[in-house]
C-alpha atoms as a PDB file:
ATOM      1  CA  UNK A   1      33.594 -77.503 -99.796  1.00  0.00           C
ATOM      2  CA  UNK A   2      33.829 -80.715 -97.812  1.00  0.00           C
ATOM      3  CA  UNK A   3      37.306 -81.891 -96.861  1.00  0.00           C
ATOM      4  CA  UNK A   4      38.796 -85.226 -95.895  1.00  0.00           C
ATOM      5  CA  UNK A   5      41.380 -85.618 -93.122  1.00  0.00           C
ATOM      6  CA  UNK A   6      43.463 -88.628 -94.145  1.00  0.00           C
ATOM      7  CA  UNK A   7      45.974 -90.240 -91.795  1.00  0.00           C
ATOM      8  CA  UNK A   8      48.276 -93.180 -92.506  1.00  0.00           C
ATOM      9  CA  UNK A   9      49.787 -94.540 -89.289  1.00  0.00           C
ATOM     10  CA  UNK A  10      52.177 -97.153 -87.986  1.00  0.00           C
ATOM     11  CA  UNK A  11      51.705 -97.486 -84.226  1.00  0.00           C
ATOM     12  CA  UNK A  12      54.928 -98.145 -82.287  1.00  0.00           C
ATOM     13  CA  UNK A  13      53.530 -97.828 -78.719  1.00  0.00           C
ATOM     14  CA  UNK A  14      50.020 -99.240 -78.327  1.00  0.00           C
ATOM     15  CA  UNK A  15      49.432 -97.836 -74.827  1.00  0.00           C
ATOM     16  CA  UNK A  16      50.354 -94.244 -75.674  1.00  0.00           C
ATOM     17  CA  UNK A  17      48.551 -94.365 -79.015  1.00  0.00           C
ATOM     18  CA  UNK A  18      45.381 -95.616 -77.338  1.00  0.00           C
ATOM     19  CA  UNK A  19      45.408 -92.489 -75.165  1.00  0.00           C
ATOM     20  CA  UNK A  20      45.844 -90.381 -78.318  1.00  0.00           C
ATOM     21  CA  UNK A  21      42.815 -92.068 -79.919  1.00  0.00           C
ATOM     22  CA  UNK A  22      40.690 -91.547 -76.793  1.00  0.00           C
ATOM     23  CA  UNK A  23      41.407 -87.802 -76.850  1.00  0.00           C
ATOM     24  CA  UNK A  24      41.543 -87.247 -80.613  1.00  0.00           C
ATOM     25  CA  UNK A  25      38.054 -88.591 -81.331  1.00  0.00           C
ATOM     26  CA  UNK A  26      36.235 -85.988 -79.212  1.00  0.00           C
ATOM     27  CA  UNK A  27      38.518 -83.196 -80.483  1.00  0.00           C
ATOM     28  CA  UNK A  28      37.686 -84.123 -84.063  1.00  0.00           C
ATOM     29  CA  UNK A  29      33.961 -84.363 -83.292  1.00  0.00           C
ATOM     30  CA  UNK A  30      34.050 -80.955 -81.570  1.00  0.00           C
ATOM     31  CA  UNK A  31      35.162 -79.464 -84.891  1.00  0.00           C
ATOM     32  CA  UNK A  32      32.423 -81.173 -86.871  1.00  0.00           C
ATOM     33  CA  UNK A  33      34.554 -84.088 -88.041  1.00  0.00           C
ATOM     34  CA  UNK A  34      32.975 -87.483 -88.577  1.00  0.00           C
ATOM     35  CA  UNK A  35      34.905 -90.687 -89.149  1.00  0.00           C
ATOM     36  CA  UNK A  36      34.179 -92.499 -92.392  1.00  0.00           C
ATOM     37  CA  UNK A  37      37.076 -94.991 -92.126  1.00  0.00           C
ATOM     38  CA  UNK A  38      38.999 -95.898 -89.015  1.00  0.00           C
ATOM     39  CA  UNK A  39      41.505 -98.737 -89.043  1.00  0.00           C
ATOM     40  CA  UNK A  40      39.494-100.986 -91.350  1.00  0.00           C
ATOM     41  CA  UNK A  41      40.525-103.330 -94.120  1.00  0.00           C
ATOM     42  CA  UNK A  42      42.749-101.827 -96.808  1.00  0.00           C
ATOM     43  CA  UNK A  43      44.850-102.794 -99.816  1.00  0.00           C
ATOM     44  CA  UNK A  44      48.195-101.023-100.247  1.00  0.00           C
ATOM     45  CA  UNK A  45      48.806-100.472-103.951  1.00  0.00           C
ATOM     46  CA  UNK A  46      51.685 -97.966-103.908  1.00  0.00           C
ATOM     47  CA  UNK A  47      53.903 -96.136-101.458  1.00  0.00           C
ATOM     48  CA  UNK A  48      54.828 -96.864 -97.872  1.00  0.00           C
ATOM     49  CA  UNK A  49      52.454 -99.224 -96.140  1.00  0.00           C
ATOM     50  CA  UNK A  50      50.922 -98.019 -92.880  1.00  0.00           C
ATOM     51  CA  UNK A  51      48.662-100.566 -91.181  1.00  0.00           C
ATOM     52  CA  UNK A  52      46.265 -98.001 -89.666  1.00  0.00           C
ATOM     53  CA  UNK A  53      44.380 -95.666 -91.975  1.00  0.00           C
ATOM     54  CA  UNK A  54      41.851 -93.092 -90.826  1.00  0.00           C
ATOM     55  CA  UNK A  55      39.581 -90.812 -92.841  1.00  0.00           C
ATOM     56  CA  UNK A  56      37.363 -88.130 -91.300  1.00  0.00           C
ATOM     57  CA  UNK A  57      35.049 -85.765 -93.119  1.00  0.00           C
ATOM     58  CA  UNK A  58      34.889 -82.064 -92.224  1.00  0.00           C
ATOM     59  CA  UNK A  59      32.725 -79.259 -93.608  1.00  0.00           C
ATOM     60  CA  UNK A  60      35.798 -77.510 -95.051  1.00  0.00           C
ATOM     61  CA  UNK A  61      39.578 -77.544 -95.252  1.00  0.00           C
ATOM     62  CA  UNK A  62      39.579 -74.651 -92.798  1.00  0.00           C
ATOM     63  CA  UNK A  63      37.561 -76.636 -90.231  1.00  0.00           C
ATOM     64  CA  UNK A  64      39.941 -79.605 -90.509  1.00  0.00           C
ATOM     65  CA  UNK A  65      43.020 -77.398 -90.148  1.00  0.00           C
ATOM     66  CA  UNK A  66      41.455 -75.554 -87.196  1.00  0.00           C
ATOM     67  CA  UNK A  67      40.841 -78.926 -85.553  1.00  0.00           C
ATOM     68  CA  UNK A  68      44.468 -79.926 -86.030  1.00  0.00           C
ATOM     69  CA  UNK A  69      45.702 -76.698 -84.429  1.00  0.00           C
ATOM     70  CA  UNK A  70      43.154 -76.759 -81.583  1.00  0.00           C
ATOM     71  CA  UNK A  71      44.300 -77.089 -78.004  1.00  0.00           C
ATOM     72  CA  UNK A  72      42.333 -80.322 -77.563  1.00  0.00           C
ATOM     73  CA  UNK A  73      43.787 -82.032 -80.636  1.00  0.00           C
ATOM     74  CA  UNK A  74      47.331 -80.894 -79.850  1.00  0.00           C
ATOM     75  CA  UNK A  75      46.941 -82.372 -76.344  1.00  0.00           C
ATOM     76  CA  UNK A  76      45.898 -85.666 -77.964  1.00  0.00           C
ATOM     77  CA  UNK A  77      48.758 -85.455 -80.445  1.00  0.00           C
ATOM     78  CA  UNK A  78      51.250 -85.276 -77.584  1.00  0.00           C
ATOM     79  CA  UNK A  79      50.435 -88.960 -76.979  1.00  0.00           C
ATOM     80  CA  UNK A  80      50.949 -89.928 -80.637  1.00  0.00           C
ATOM     81  CA  UNK A  81      54.363 -88.302 -80.924  1.00  0.00           C
ATOM     82  CA  UNK A  82      56.944 -90.956 -80.221  1.00  0.00           C
ATOM     83  CA  UNK A  83      54.208 -93.614 -80.289  1.00  0.00           C
ATOM     84  CA  UNK A  84      53.660 -93.662 -84.040  1.00  0.00           C
ATOM     85  CA  UNK A  85      54.972 -92.854 -87.471  1.00  0.00           C
ATOM     86  CA  UNK A  86      52.333 -91.008 -89.453  1.00  0.00           C
ATOM     87  CA  UNK A  87      51.410 -88.937 -92.410  1.00  0.00           C
ATOM     88  CA  UNK A  88      48.400 -86.630 -92.203  1.00  0.00           C
ATOM     89  CA  UNK A  89      46.835 -84.549 -94.927  1.00  0.00           C
ATOM     90  CA  UNK A  90      43.640 -82.643 -95.582  1.00  0.00           C
ATOM     91  CA  UNK A  91      42.172 -82.894 -99.068  1.00  0.00           C
ATOM     92  CA  UNK A  92      39.276 -80.853-100.414  1.00  0.00           C
ATOM     93  CA  UNK A  93      36.534 -82.948-101.993  1.00  0.00           C
ATOM     94  CA  UNK A  94      35.568 -81.911-105.495  1.00  0.00           C
ATOM     95  CA  UNK A  95      31.937 -82.888-106.047  1.00  0.00           C
END
């Protein structure tokens, strides 16, 4: 079943986070992920507000998790650590 990779992010270092984004996009695409929301307009209704919200669609939960653990994504993530506060989850779509 399709899965959504959902990230809620507060960027604390724009330069380092930009490098993360440059590397993360291709790593996600290499695992079949496609962005359906990326930093667009949002309305926070509950919980901690994070000004950057990203949603990518993958073919399965397993594909999304494999992407996260891939060498390419982990190399990108090195640039986000210390440059952001984030929550990331993968949710299976029930259609």
